[in-house]
Amino acid sequence: MSDILIRGMELPKNEPLRIVLNPNGQLFVDHGVTFTEYEAVELPEHGDLVDRSELQNTVMQVITKFPTDNIAAIQHLDLVNALLRDASVIVPADKEETE
């Protein structure tokens, strides 16, 4: 089974929407007289969606709690942080993150 992401579309607030999804990913929302176009993309196989920056913040909080003489632990956590930073992105962030 594949998951599909519809870029830029929000769930309807008050009533159902009629949509047409074409094999090329074009998605049209039918408003009766007019329509709105979106793009649907098939997501690759993936694990859970997590907030990478939130996880990195947690790792940094742990690093700051280590005594400064525990260099090995800090180096290991720095490595974890680097791995998180370089991990592949399955679903891009909604907004640009600042570092």
C-alpha atoms as a PDB file:
ATOM      1  CA  MET A   1       0.000   0.000   0.000  1.00  0.00           C
ATOM      2  CA  SER A   2       1.276   3.485  -0.853  1.00  0.00           C
ATOM      3  CA  ASP A   3       0.645   6.787   0.872  1.00  0.00           C
ATOM      4  CA  ILE A   4      -0.213   9.862  -1.144  1.00  0.00           C
ATOM      5  CA  LEU A   5       0.587  13.456  -0.225  1.00  0.00           C
ATOM      6  CA  ILE A   6      -1.530  16.247  -1.720  1.00  0.00           C
ATOM      7  CA  ARG A   7       0.662  19.342  -1.791  1.00  0.00           C
ATOM      8  CA  GLY A   8      -0.948  22.574  -0.585  1.00  0.00           C
ATOM      9  CA  MET A   9      -4.412  21.164   0.066  1.00  0.00           C
ATOM     10  CA  GLU A  10      -6.154  21.361   3.431  1.00  0.00           C
ATOM     11  CA  LEU A  11      -8.967  19.126   4.614  1.00  0.00           C
ATOM     12  CA  PRO A  12     -12.379  20.646   3.948  1.00  0.00           C
ATOM     13  CA  LYS A  13     -13.884  22.500   6.909  1.00  0.00           C
ATOM     14  CA  ASN A  14     -17.649  22.297   6.368  1.00  0.00           C
ATOM     15  CA  GLU A  15     -18.549  20.029   3.491  1.00  0.00           C
ATOM     16  CA  PRO A  16     -17.087  17.188   1.446  1.00  0.00           C
ATOM     17  CA  LEU A  17     -15.159  17.912  -1.725  1.00  0.00           C
ATOM     18  CA  ARG A  18     -15.351  16.106  -5.050  1.00  0.00           C
ATOM     19  CA  ILE A  19     -11.886  15.431  -6.406  1.00  0.00           C
ATOM     20  CA  VAL A  20     -10.450  13.911  -9.555  1.00  0.00           C
ATOM     21  CA  LEU A  21      -7.000  12.353  -9.282  1.00  0.00           C
ATOM     22  CA  ASN A  22      -5.204  11.603 -12.538  1.00  0.00           C
ATOM     23  CA  PRO A  23      -2.449   8.966 -12.892  1.00  0.00           C
ATOM     24  CA  ASN A  24       0.132  11.726 -13.505  1.00  0.00           C
ATOM     25  CA  GLY A  25      -0.540  13.252 -10.058  1.00  0.00           C
ATOM     26  CA  GLN A  26      -2.749  16.134 -11.178  1.00  0.00           C
ATOM     27  CA  LEU A  27      -5.576  16.516  -8.703  1.00  0.00           C
ATOM     28  CA  PHE A  28      -8.617  18.689  -9.354  1.00  0.00           C
ATOM     29  CA  VAL A  29     -11.147  19.814  -6.749  1.00  0.00           C
ATOM     30  CA  ASP A  30     -14.525  20.310  -8.392  1.00  0.00           C
ATOM     31  CA  HIS A  31     -16.388  23.407  -7.148  1.00  0.00           C
ATOM     32  CA  GLY A  32     -19.241  23.031  -9.640  1.00  0.00           C
ATOM     33  CA  VAL A  33     -18.428  25.853 -12.053  1.00  0.00           C
ATOM     34  CA  THR A  34     -14.720  26.189 -11.242  1.00  0.00           C
ATOM     35  CA  PHE A  35     -11.977  23.880 -10.047  1.00  0.00           C
ATOM     36  CA  THR A  36      -8.745  24.109  -8.075  1.00  0.00           C
ATOM     37  CA  GLU A  37      -5.661  22.177  -9.166  1.00  0.00           C
ATOM     38  CA  TYR A  38      -3.188  20.487  -6.795  1.00  0.00           C
ATOM     39  CA  GLU A  39      -0.362  18.012  -7.114  1.00  0.00           C
ATOM     40  CA  ALA A  40      -0.521  14.565  -5.562  1.00  0.00           C
ATOM     41  CA  VAL A  41       2.682  12.596  -5.073  1.00  0.00           C
ATOM     42  CA  GLU A  42       3.155   8.981  -4.104  1.00  0.00           C
ATOM     43  CA  LEU A  43       5.418   8.709  -1.081  1.00  0.00           C
ATOM     44  CA  PRO A  44       8.203   6.128  -0.969  1.00  0.00           C
ATOM     45  CA  GLU A  45       8.166   3.430   1.701  1.00  0.00           C
ATOM     46  CA  HIS A  46       8.904   5.200   4.980  1.00  0.00           C
ATOM     47  CA  GLY A  47       8.910   4.976   8.734  1.00  0.00           C
ATOM     48  CA  ASP A  48       7.152   7.266  11.167  1.00  0.00           C
ATOM     49  CA  LEU A  49       7.043  10.988  10.454  1.00  0.00           C
ATOM     50  CA  VAL A  50       8.913  12.808  13.233  1.00  0.00           C
ATOM     51  CA  ASP A  51       9.985  16.389  13.781  1.00  0.00           C
ATOM     52  CA  ARG A  52      13.749  16.234  13.192  1.00  0.00           C
ATOM     53  CA  SER A  53      14.454  19.668  14.692  1.00  0.00           C
ATOM     54  CA  GLU A  54      12.526  18.790  17.856  1.00  0.00           C
ATOM     55  CA  LEU A  55      14.563  15.592  18.218  1.00  0.00           C
ATOM     56  CA  GLN A  56      17.799  17.521  17.627  1.00  0.00           C
ATOM     57  CA  ASN A  57      16.771  20.030  20.321  1.00  0.00           C
ATOM     58  CA  THR A  58      16.256  17.145  22.747  1.00  0.00           C
ATOM     59  CA  VAL A  59      19.708  15.745  21.916  1.00  0.00           C
ATOM     60  CA  MET A  60      21.258  19.190  22.481  1.00  0.00           C
ATOM     61  CA  GLN A  61      19.515  19.455  25.867  1.00  0.00           C
ATOM     62  CA  VAL A  62      21.006  16.093  26.837  1.00  0.00           C
ATOM     63  CA  ILE A  63      24.472  17.213  25.670  1.00  0.00           C
ATOM     64  CA  THR A  64      24.314  20.328  27.861  1.00  0.00           C
ATOM     65  CA  LYS A  65      23.483  18.207  30.927  1.00  0.00           C
ATOM     66  CA  PHE A  66      26.663  16.127  30.598  1.00  0.00           C
ATOM     67  CA  PRO A  67      29.640  17.219  32.651  1.00  0.00           C
ATOM     68  CA  THR A  68      32.248  18.814  30.393  1.00  0.00           C
ATOM     69  CA  ASP A  69      34.727  16.063  31.329  1.00  0.00           C
ATOM     70  CA  ASN A  70      32.516  13.393  29.715  1.00  0.00           C
ATOM     71  CA  ILE A  71      33.924  14.034  26.239  1.00  0.00           C
ATOM     72  CA  ALA A  72      33.088  10.542  24.883  1.00  0.00           C
ATOM     73  CA  ALA A  73      29.372  10.917  25.675  1.00  0.00           C
ATOM     74  CA  ILE A  74      29.264  14.377  24.116  1.00  0.00           C
ATOM     75  CA  GLN A  75      31.031  13.100  20.984  1.00  0.00           C
ATOM     76  CA  HIS A  76      28.518  10.263  20.658  1.00  0.00           C
ATOM     77  CA  LEU A  77      25.588  12.642  20.977  1.00  0.00           C
ATOM     78  CA  ASP A  78      27.202  15.014  18.465  1.00  0.00           C
ATOM     79  CA  LEU A  79      27.368  12.058  16.076  1.00  0.00           C
ATOM     80  CA  VAL A  80      23.679  11.316  16.684  1.00  0.00           C
ATOM     81  CA  ASN A  81      22.889  14.958  15.926  1.00  0.00           C
ATOM     82  CA  ALA A  82      24.902  14.802  12.675  1.00  0.00           C
ATOM     83  CA  LEU A  83      23.065  11.618  11.638  1.00  0.00           C
ATOM     84  CA  LEU A  84      19.714  13.296  12.281  1.00  0.00           C
ATOM     85  CA  ARG A  85      20.764  16.367  10.280  1.00  0.00           C
ATOM     86  CA  ASP A  86      21.819  14.225   7.306  1.00  0.00           C
ATOM     87  CA  ALA A  87      18.898  11.762   7.377  1.00  0.00           C
ATOM     88  CA  SER A  88      16.866  11.532   4.173  1.00  0.00           C
ATOM     89  CA  VAL A  89      13.697  13.601   3.940  1.00  0.00           C
ATOM     90  CA  ILE A  90      10.505  11.741   3.046  1.00  0.00           C
ATOM     91  CA  VAL A  91       8.024  14.591   3.539  1.00  0.00           C
ATOM     92  CA  PRO A  92       9.544  18.102   3.394  1.00  0.00           C
ATOM     93  CA  ALA A  93       8.838  20.562   6.198  1.00  0.00           C
ATOM     94  CA  ASP A  94       5.813  22.832   5.761  1.00  0.00           C
ATOM     95  CA  LYS A  95       7.930  25.939   6.193  1.00  0.00           C
ATOM     96  CA  GLU A  96      11.588  26.781   5.844  1.00  0.00           C
ATOM     97  CA  GLU A  97      13.484  26.077   9.046  1.00  0.00           C
ATOM     98  CA  THR A  98      16.110  28.477  10.274  1.00  0.00           C
ATOM     99  CA  GLU A  99      19.278  27.128  11.802  1.00  0.00           C
END
